[in-house]
């Protein structure tokens, strides 16, 4: 199974990801792109994408990027998010990459773009430290 098939299967098993409408659009070793459409339920009181969903997209994209090099048994040990401007758009695209792979920890980085009227604007970025976990 190639990376995009693996990630699409994992994504389909995550009920929250399905509710969000997250779709894996690109997956190659060490890099991933996911997308999510705008809908009112993911907004906050001013009509922008809720910061919790911004964190969700960054965390998910980073985890998926790490999974392309280490497999799916990963947990986020730490992640940070920088909200750069109000996230307003018809859809949101998160592009994550592995910064440094390791046997026990994987460092990743992500940029989140809002797409409106065909124009993509950087709205947030973040980093995640993932821990490789063993399965029982």
N, C-alpha and C. Protein backbone atom coordinates (compact mmCIF):
# COMPACT_ATOMS: atom_id res chain seq x y z
N UNK A 1 0.85 -1.18 0.00
CA UNK A 1 0.00 0.00 0.00
C UNK A 1 0.89 1.24 0.00
N UNK A 2 0.63 2.19 -0.91
CA UNK A 2 1.44 3.41 -0.96
C UNK A 2 0.99 4.40 0.12
N UNK A 3 1.73 5.48 0.28
CA UNK A 3 1.47 6.45 1.35
C UNK A 3 0.09 7.06 1.29
N UNK A 4 -0.34 7.48 0.12
CA UNK A 4 -1.65 8.15 0.05
C UNK A 4 -2.78 7.18 0.37
N UNK A 5 -2.66 5.93 -0.07
CA UNK A 5 -3.68 4.93 0.27
C UNK A 5 -3.72 4.69 1.77
N UNK A 6 -2.54 4.56 2.40
CA UNK A 6 -2.46 4.35 3.85
C UNK A 6 -3.11 5.51 4.59
N UNK A 7 -2.77 6.74 4.21
CA UNK A 7 -3.29 7.90 4.92
C UNK A 7 -4.79 8.08 4.69
N UNK A 8 -5.25 7.80 3.51
CA UNK A 8 -6.69 7.90 3.25
C UNK A 8 -7.46 6.87 4.07
N UNK A 9 -6.88 5.69 4.24
CA UNK A 9 -7.51 4.66 5.07
C UNK A 9 -7.54 5.10 6.53
N UNK A 10 -6.43 5.62 7.04
CA UNK A 10 -6.37 6.12 8.42
C UNK A 10 -7.36 7.26 8.60
N UNK A 11 -7.38 8.19 7.66
CA UNK A 11 -8.26 9.34 7.73
C UNK A 11 -9.73 8.91 7.77
N UNK A 12 -10.08 7.91 6.97
CA UNK A 12 -11.46 7.43 6.92
C UNK A 12 -11.89 6.76 8.23
N UNK A 13 -10.93 6.23 8.99
CA UNK A 13 -11.26 5.59 10.28
C UNK A 13 -11.47 6.60 11.39
N UNK A 14 -11.02 7.84 11.20
CA UNK A 14 -11.12 8.86 12.24
C UNK A 14 -12.44 9.62 12.08
N UNK A 15 -13.39 9.34 12.95
CA UNK A 15 -14.71 9.95 12.83
C UNK A 15 -14.65 11.48 12.85
N UNK A 16 -13.78 12.04 13.70
CA UNK A 16 -13.66 13.50 13.76
C UNK A 16 -13.17 14.05 12.43
N UNK A 17 -12.19 13.40 11.81
CA UNK A 17 -11.69 13.85 10.52
C UNK A 17 -12.79 13.81 9.46
N UNK A 18 -13.63 12.77 9.53
CA UNK A 18 -14.74 12.67 8.58
C UNK A 18 -15.72 13.81 8.82
N UNK A 19 -16.03 14.10 10.09
CA UNK A 19 -16.95 15.19 10.42
C UNK A 19 -16.40 16.52 9.89
N UNK A 20 -15.10 16.73 10.03
CA UNK A 20 -14.46 17.96 9.55
C UNK A 20 -14.45 18.05 8.04
N UNK A 21 -14.50 16.92 7.38
CA UNK A 21 -14.40 16.90 5.92
C UNK A 21 -12.97 16.91 5.42
N UNK A 22 -12.05 16.45 6.27
CA UNK A 22 -10.63 16.44 5.89
C UNK A 22 -10.39 15.40 4.80
N UNK A 23 -9.64 15.80 3.80
CA UNK A 23 -9.29 14.92 2.68
C UNK A 23 -7.78 14.96 2.48
N UNK A 24 -7.19 13.79 2.30
CA UNK A 24 -5.76 13.71 1.98
C UNK A 24 -5.63 13.86 0.47
N UNK A 25 -4.91 14.91 0.04
CA UNK A 25 -4.80 15.18 -1.40
C UNK A 25 -3.43 14.87 -1.98
N UNK A 26 -2.38 14.94 -1.15
CA UNK A 26 -1.02 14.65 -1.60
C UNK A 26 -0.31 13.91 -0.48
N UNK A 27 0.43 12.88 -0.83
CA UNK A 27 1.27 12.17 0.15
C UNK A 27 2.47 11.60 -0.57
N UNK A 28 3.63 12.01 -0.12
CA UNK A 28 4.89 11.46 -0.61
C UNK A 28 5.80 11.33 0.60
N UNK A 29 6.88 10.61 0.49
CA UNK A 29 7.74 10.43 1.66
C UNK A 29 8.16 11.77 2.29
N UNK A 30 7.70 11.97 3.52
CA UNK A 30 8.07 13.16 4.27
C UNK A 30 7.23 14.39 4.02
N UNK A 31 6.19 14.30 3.19
CA UNK A 31 5.37 15.48 2.89
C UNK A 31 3.93 15.08 2.61
N UNK A 32 3.02 15.95 3.08
CA UNK A 32 1.59 15.68 2.94
C UNK A 32 0.85 16.99 2.72
N UNK A 33 -0.24 16.88 1.98
CA UNK A 33 -1.19 17.98 1.87
C UNK A 33 -2.57 17.45 2.19
N UNK A 34 -3.29 18.17 3.06
CA UNK A 34 -4.68 17.83 3.35
C UNK A 34 -5.52 19.08 3.11
N UNK A 35 -6.82 18.86 2.85
CA UNK A 35 -7.73 19.96 2.62
C UNK A 35 -9.00 19.76 3.44
N UNK A 36 -9.63 20.88 3.75
CA UNK A 36 -10.92 20.85 4.45
C UNK A 36 -11.78 21.98 3.89
N UNK A 37 -13.03 21.71 3.54
CA UNK A 37 -13.89 22.78 3.05
C UNK A 37 -14.43 23.61 4.22
N UNK A 38 -14.75 24.87 3.91
CA UNK A 38 -15.41 25.72 4.90
C UNK A 38 -16.88 25.32 5.02
N UNK A 39 -17.37 25.35 6.23
CA UNK A 39 -18.80 25.28 6.51
C UNK A 39 -19.02 25.96 7.85
N UNK A 40 -20.21 26.43 8.09
CA UNK A 40 -20.50 27.26 9.26
C UNK A 40 -20.13 26.58 10.58
N UNK A 41 -20.26 25.27 10.65
CA UNK A 41 -20.00 24.54 11.91
C UNK A 41 -18.54 24.60 12.36
N UNK A 42 -17.61 24.95 11.49
CA UNK A 42 -16.20 25.01 11.87
C UNK A 42 -15.75 26.44 12.17
N UNK A 43 -16.71 27.36 12.18
CA UNK A 43 -16.38 28.75 12.42
C UNK A 43 -16.52 29.15 13.88
N UNK A 44 -15.92 30.28 14.20
CA UNK A 44 -16.10 30.86 15.52
C UNK A 44 -17.06 32.04 15.41
N UNK A 45 -17.25 32.78 16.48
CA UNK A 45 -18.28 33.81 16.54
C UNK A 45 -18.14 34.93 15.50
N UNK A 46 -16.94 35.19 15.00
CA UNK A 46 -16.76 36.24 13.98
C UNK A 46 -16.81 35.71 12.56
N UNK A 47 -17.01 34.41 12.41
CA UNK A 47 -17.12 33.82 11.08
C UNK A 47 -15.82 33.32 10.48
N UNK A 48 -14.75 33.33 11.28
CA UNK A 48 -13.47 32.79 10.82
C UNK A 48 -13.35 31.34 11.25
N UNK A 49 -12.42 30.61 10.63
CA UNK A 49 -12.16 29.23 11.05
C UNK A 49 -11.73 29.25 12.52
N UNK A 50 -12.33 28.40 13.32
CA UNK A 50 -12.03 28.33 14.75
C UNK A 50 -10.58 27.89 14.96
N UNK A 51 -9.91 28.50 15.93
CA UNK A 51 -8.51 28.17 16.21
C UNK A 51 -8.32 26.70 16.54
N UNK A 52 -9.32 26.07 17.15
CA UNK A 52 -9.24 24.64 17.42
C UNK A 52 -9.14 23.82 16.14
N UNK A 53 -9.83 24.26 15.10
CA UNK A 53 -9.74 23.57 13.80
C UNK A 53 -8.44 23.90 13.10
N UNK A 54 -7.90 25.09 13.32
CA UNK A 54 -6.58 25.42 12.79
C UNK A 54 -5.57 24.45 13.38
N UNK A 55 -5.63 24.26 14.70
CA UNK A 55 -4.74 23.29 15.36
C UNK A 55 -4.97 21.88 14.87
N UNK A 56 -6.22 21.52 14.64
CA UNK A 56 -6.55 20.19 14.12
C UNK A 56 -5.88 19.94 12.77
N UNK A 57 -6.01 20.90 11.87
CA UNK A 57 -5.43 20.72 10.53
C UNK A 57 -3.91 20.62 10.59
N UNK A 58 -3.28 21.46 11.41
CA UNK A 58 -1.83 21.42 11.53
C UNK A 58 -1.38 20.11 12.17
N UNK A 59 -2.02 19.71 13.26
CA UNK A 59 -1.67 18.46 13.94
C UNK A 59 -1.88 17.25 13.02
N UNK A 60 -2.99 17.22 12.32
CA UNK A 60 -3.30 16.09 11.43
C UNK A 60 -2.31 16.02 10.28
N UNK A 61 -2.04 17.15 9.64
CA UNK A 61 -1.11 17.14 8.51
C UNK A 61 0.29 16.73 8.96
N UNK A 62 0.73 17.25 10.11
CA UNK A 62 2.06 16.88 10.62
C UNK A 62 2.12 15.39 10.95
N UNK A 63 1.08 14.88 11.59
CA UNK A 63 1.05 13.44 11.90
C UNK A 63 1.07 12.59 10.66
N UNK A 64 0.33 13.00 9.65
CA UNK A 64 0.32 12.24 8.41
C UNK A 64 1.67 12.31 7.70
N UNK A 65 2.31 13.47 7.72
CA UNK A 65 3.65 13.58 7.10
C UNK A 65 4.62 12.63 7.81
N UNK A 66 4.57 12.61 9.13
CA UNK A 66 5.45 11.71 9.89
C UNK A 66 5.13 10.25 9.58
N UNK A 67 3.86 9.93 9.40
CA UNK A 67 3.46 8.54 9.10
C UNK A 67 4.02 8.05 7.78
N UNK A 68 4.30 8.97 6.85
CA UNK A 68 4.87 8.54 5.57
C UNK A 68 6.29 8.01 5.71
N UNK A 69 6.97 8.37 6.81
CA UNK A 69 8.34 7.88 7.01
C UNK A 69 8.46 6.89 8.17
N UNK A 70 7.47 6.88 9.08
CA UNK A 70 7.59 6.04 10.27
C UNK A 70 6.43 5.09 10.48
N UNK A 71 5.42 5.13 9.63
CA UNK A 71 4.24 4.31 9.84
C UNK A 71 3.25 5.02 10.74
N UNK A 72 2.08 4.40 10.93
CA UNK A 72 0.97 5.09 11.59
C UNK A 72 1.00 5.12 13.12
N UNK A 73 1.92 4.43 13.76
CA UNK A 73 1.91 4.35 15.23
C UNK A 73 2.66 5.54 15.85
N UNK A 74 1.97 6.68 15.87
CA UNK A 74 2.57 7.93 16.34
C UNK A 74 1.61 8.65 17.27
N UNK A 75 2.18 9.39 18.20
CA UNK A 75 1.39 10.26 19.07
C UNK A 75 2.07 11.62 19.11
N UNK A 76 1.27 12.67 19.13
CA UNK A 76 1.83 14.01 19.28
C UNK A 76 2.31 14.18 20.72
N UNK A 77 3.57 14.53 20.88
CA UNK A 77 4.11 14.81 22.21
C UNK A 77 4.02 16.31 22.50
N UNK A 78 4.11 17.11 21.46
CA UNK A 78 4.04 18.56 21.63
C UNK A 78 3.70 19.16 20.27
N UNK A 79 2.86 20.21 20.28
CA UNK A 79 2.68 20.95 19.05
C UNK A 79 2.38 22.41 19.37
N UNK A 80 2.78 23.26 18.44
CA UNK A 80 2.54 24.68 18.61
C UNK A 80 1.92 25.23 17.33
N UNK A 81 1.11 26.27 17.51
CA UNK A 81 0.41 26.87 16.40
C UNK A 81 0.58 28.38 16.47
N UNK A 82 0.87 28.99 15.35
CA UNK A 82 0.94 30.44 15.23
C UNK A 82 -0.18 30.88 14.28
N UNK A 83 -1.14 31.62 14.80
CA UNK A 83 -2.22 32.16 13.97
C UNK A 83 -1.74 33.51 13.44
N UNK A 84 -1.59 33.60 12.13
CA UNK A 84 -0.96 34.75 11.50
C UNK A 84 -1.96 35.81 11.03
N UNK A 85 -3.16 35.37 10.68
CA UNK A 85 -4.23 36.28 10.24
C UNK A 85 -5.54 35.52 10.35
N UNK A 86 -6.67 36.23 10.32
CA UNK A 86 -7.95 35.52 10.38
C UNK A 86 -8.07 34.51 9.24
N UNK A 87 -8.49 33.32 9.58
CA UNK A 87 -8.61 32.25 8.60
C UNK A 87 -10.01 32.29 7.99
N UNK A 88 -10.10 32.86 6.82
CA UNK A 88 -11.36 33.03 6.13
C UNK A 88 -11.19 32.56 4.69
N UNK A 89 -12.00 31.57 4.29
CA UNK A 89 -11.88 31.06 2.94
C UNK A 89 -12.93 30.02 2.63
N UNK A 90 -12.93 29.58 1.39
CA UNK A 90 -13.85 28.54 0.95
C UNK A 90 -13.33 27.15 1.30
N UNK A 91 -12.01 27.06 1.39
CA UNK A 91 -11.38 25.81 1.82
C UNK A 91 -10.04 26.14 2.45
N UNK A 92 -9.49 25.14 3.15
CA UNK A 92 -8.23 25.31 3.86
C UNK A 92 -7.29 24.18 3.45
N UNK A 93 -6.04 24.53 3.19
CA UNK A 93 -5.04 23.56 2.75
C UNK A 93 -3.89 23.59 3.73
N UNK A 94 -3.58 22.43 4.30
CA UNK A 94 -2.43 22.30 5.20
C UNK A 94 -1.36 21.49 4.49
N UNK A 95 -0.15 22.07 4.45
CA UNK A 95 1.00 21.39 3.83
C UNK A 95 2.05 21.17 4.90
N UNK A 96 2.31 19.90 5.18
CA UNK A 96 3.25 19.55 6.24
C UNK A 96 4.42 18.78 5.67
N UNK A 97 5.55 18.89 6.38
CA UNK A 97 6.75 18.15 5.96
C UNK A 97 7.50 17.69 7.20
N UNK A 98 8.24 16.63 7.03
CA UNK A 98 9.12 16.15 8.09
C UNK A 98 10.38 17.00 8.06
N UNK A 99 10.72 17.59 9.20
CA UNK A 99 11.92 18.39 9.33
C UNK A 99 13.10 17.51 9.68
N UNK A 100 12.89 16.61 10.66
CA UNK A 100 13.95 15.68 11.08
C UNK A 100 13.31 14.38 11.55
N UNK A 101 13.53 13.30 10.81
CA UNK A 101 13.02 12.00 11.26
C UNK A 101 13.99 11.38 12.26
N UNK A 102 13.46 10.58 13.13
CA UNK A 102 14.28 9.84 14.08
C UNK A 102 13.62 8.51 14.40
N UNK A 103 14.31 7.68 15.14
CA UNK A 103 13.75 6.37 15.49
C UNK A 103 12.64 6.49 16.53
N UNK A 104 12.76 7.47 17.44
CA UNK A 104 11.79 7.62 18.51
C UNK A 104 10.99 8.92 18.42
N UNK A 105 11.54 9.95 17.78
CA UNK A 105 10.87 11.23 17.65
C UNK A 105 10.99 11.74 16.22
N UNK A 106 9.93 12.42 15.79
CA UNK A 106 9.92 12.99 14.45
C UNK A 106 9.47 14.45 14.56
N UNK A 107 10.27 15.36 14.03
CA UNK A 107 9.94 16.77 14.04
C UNK A 107 9.32 17.15 12.70
N UNK A 108 8.20 17.88 12.75
CA UNK A 108 7.50 18.27 11.54
C UNK A 108 7.14 19.75 11.57
N UNK A 109 6.80 20.27 10.41
CA UNK A 109 6.39 21.66 10.28
C UNK A 109 5.23 21.73 9.28
N UNK A 110 4.38 22.74 9.45
CA UNK A 110 3.19 22.84 8.59
C UNK A 110 2.84 24.30 8.32
N UNK A 111 2.37 24.58 7.12
CA UNK A 111 1.78 25.86 6.77
C UNK A 111 0.32 25.62 6.41
N UNK A 112 -0.54 26.51 6.90
CA UNK A 112 -1.99 26.41 6.63
C UNK A 112 -2.41 27.62 5.80
N UNK A 113 -3.08 27.33 4.69
CA UNK A 113 -3.54 28.36 3.77
C UNK A 113 -5.06 28.38 3.70
N UNK A 114 -5.62 29.58 3.61
CA UNK A 114 -7.05 29.74 3.32
C UNK A 114 -7.16 30.10 1.85
N UNK A 115 -8.07 29.43 1.16
CA UNK A 115 -8.26 29.67 -0.27
C UNK A 115 -9.63 30.32 -0.45
N UNK A 116 -9.62 31.49 -1.07
CA UNK A 116 -10.87 32.21 -1.34
C UNK A 116 -10.74 32.87 -2.70
N UNK A 117 -11.73 32.67 -3.54
CA UNK A 117 -11.74 33.21 -4.91
C UNK A 117 -10.46 32.84 -5.66
N UNK A 118 -9.98 31.60 -5.43
CA UNK A 118 -8.80 31.11 -6.13
C UNK A 118 -7.47 31.58 -5.58
N UNK A 119 -7.49 32.46 -4.58
CA UNK A 119 -6.25 32.98 -4.00
C UNK A 119 -5.99 32.31 -2.65
N UNK A 120 -4.77 31.79 -2.48
CA UNK A 120 -4.37 31.14 -1.23
C UNK A 120 -3.55 32.11 -0.40
N UNK A 121 -3.95 32.27 0.88
CA UNK A 121 -3.21 33.13 1.80
C UNK A 121 -2.76 32.30 3.00
N UNK A 122 -1.51 32.50 3.40
CA UNK A 122 -0.99 31.85 4.59
C UNK A 122 -1.69 32.43 5.81
N UNK A 123 -2.37 31.56 6.60
CA UNK A 123 -3.11 32.04 7.77
C UNK A 123 -2.52 31.53 9.09
N UNK A 124 -1.76 30.45 9.03
CA UNK A 124 -1.19 29.88 10.26
C UNK A 124 -0.03 28.96 9.90
N UNK A 125 0.83 28.73 10.88
CA UNK A 125 1.85 27.70 10.73
C UNK A 125 2.07 27.05 12.09
N UNK A 126 2.77 25.95 12.09
CA UNK A 126 3.00 25.26 13.35
C UNK A 126 4.04 24.16 13.20
N UNK A 127 4.41 23.64 14.34
CA UNK A 127 5.37 22.55 14.41
C UNK A 127 4.83 21.48 15.36
N UNK A 128 5.22 20.26 15.09
CA UNK A 128 4.80 19.15 15.93
C UNK A 128 5.98 18.22 16.18
N UNK A 129 6.06 17.76 17.41
CA UNK A 129 7.00 16.71 17.79
C UNK A 129 6.17 15.47 18.02
N UNK A 130 6.44 14.43 17.24
CA UNK A 130 5.70 13.18 17.35
C UNK A 130 6.59 12.10 17.92
N UNK A 131 5.99 11.25 18.73
CA UNK A 131 6.68 10.13 19.34
C UNK A 131 6.23 8.84 18.67
N UNK A 132 7.18 8.01 18.31
CA UNK A 132 6.86 6.70 17.75
C UNK A 132 6.47 5.80 18.92
N UNK A 133 5.31 5.16 18.81
CA UNK A 133 4.84 4.28 19.88
C UNK A 133 4.81 2.85 19.40
N UNK A 134 5.08 1.92 20.31
CA UNK A 134 5.01 0.51 19.96
C UNK A 134 3.61 0.01 20.27
N UNK A 135 3.15 -0.90 19.45
CA UNK A 135 1.83 -1.48 19.67
C UNK A 135 1.96 -2.75 20.49
N UNK A 136 0.99 -2.99 21.35
CA UNK A 136 1.05 -4.20 22.19
C UNK A 136 0.86 -5.48 21.40
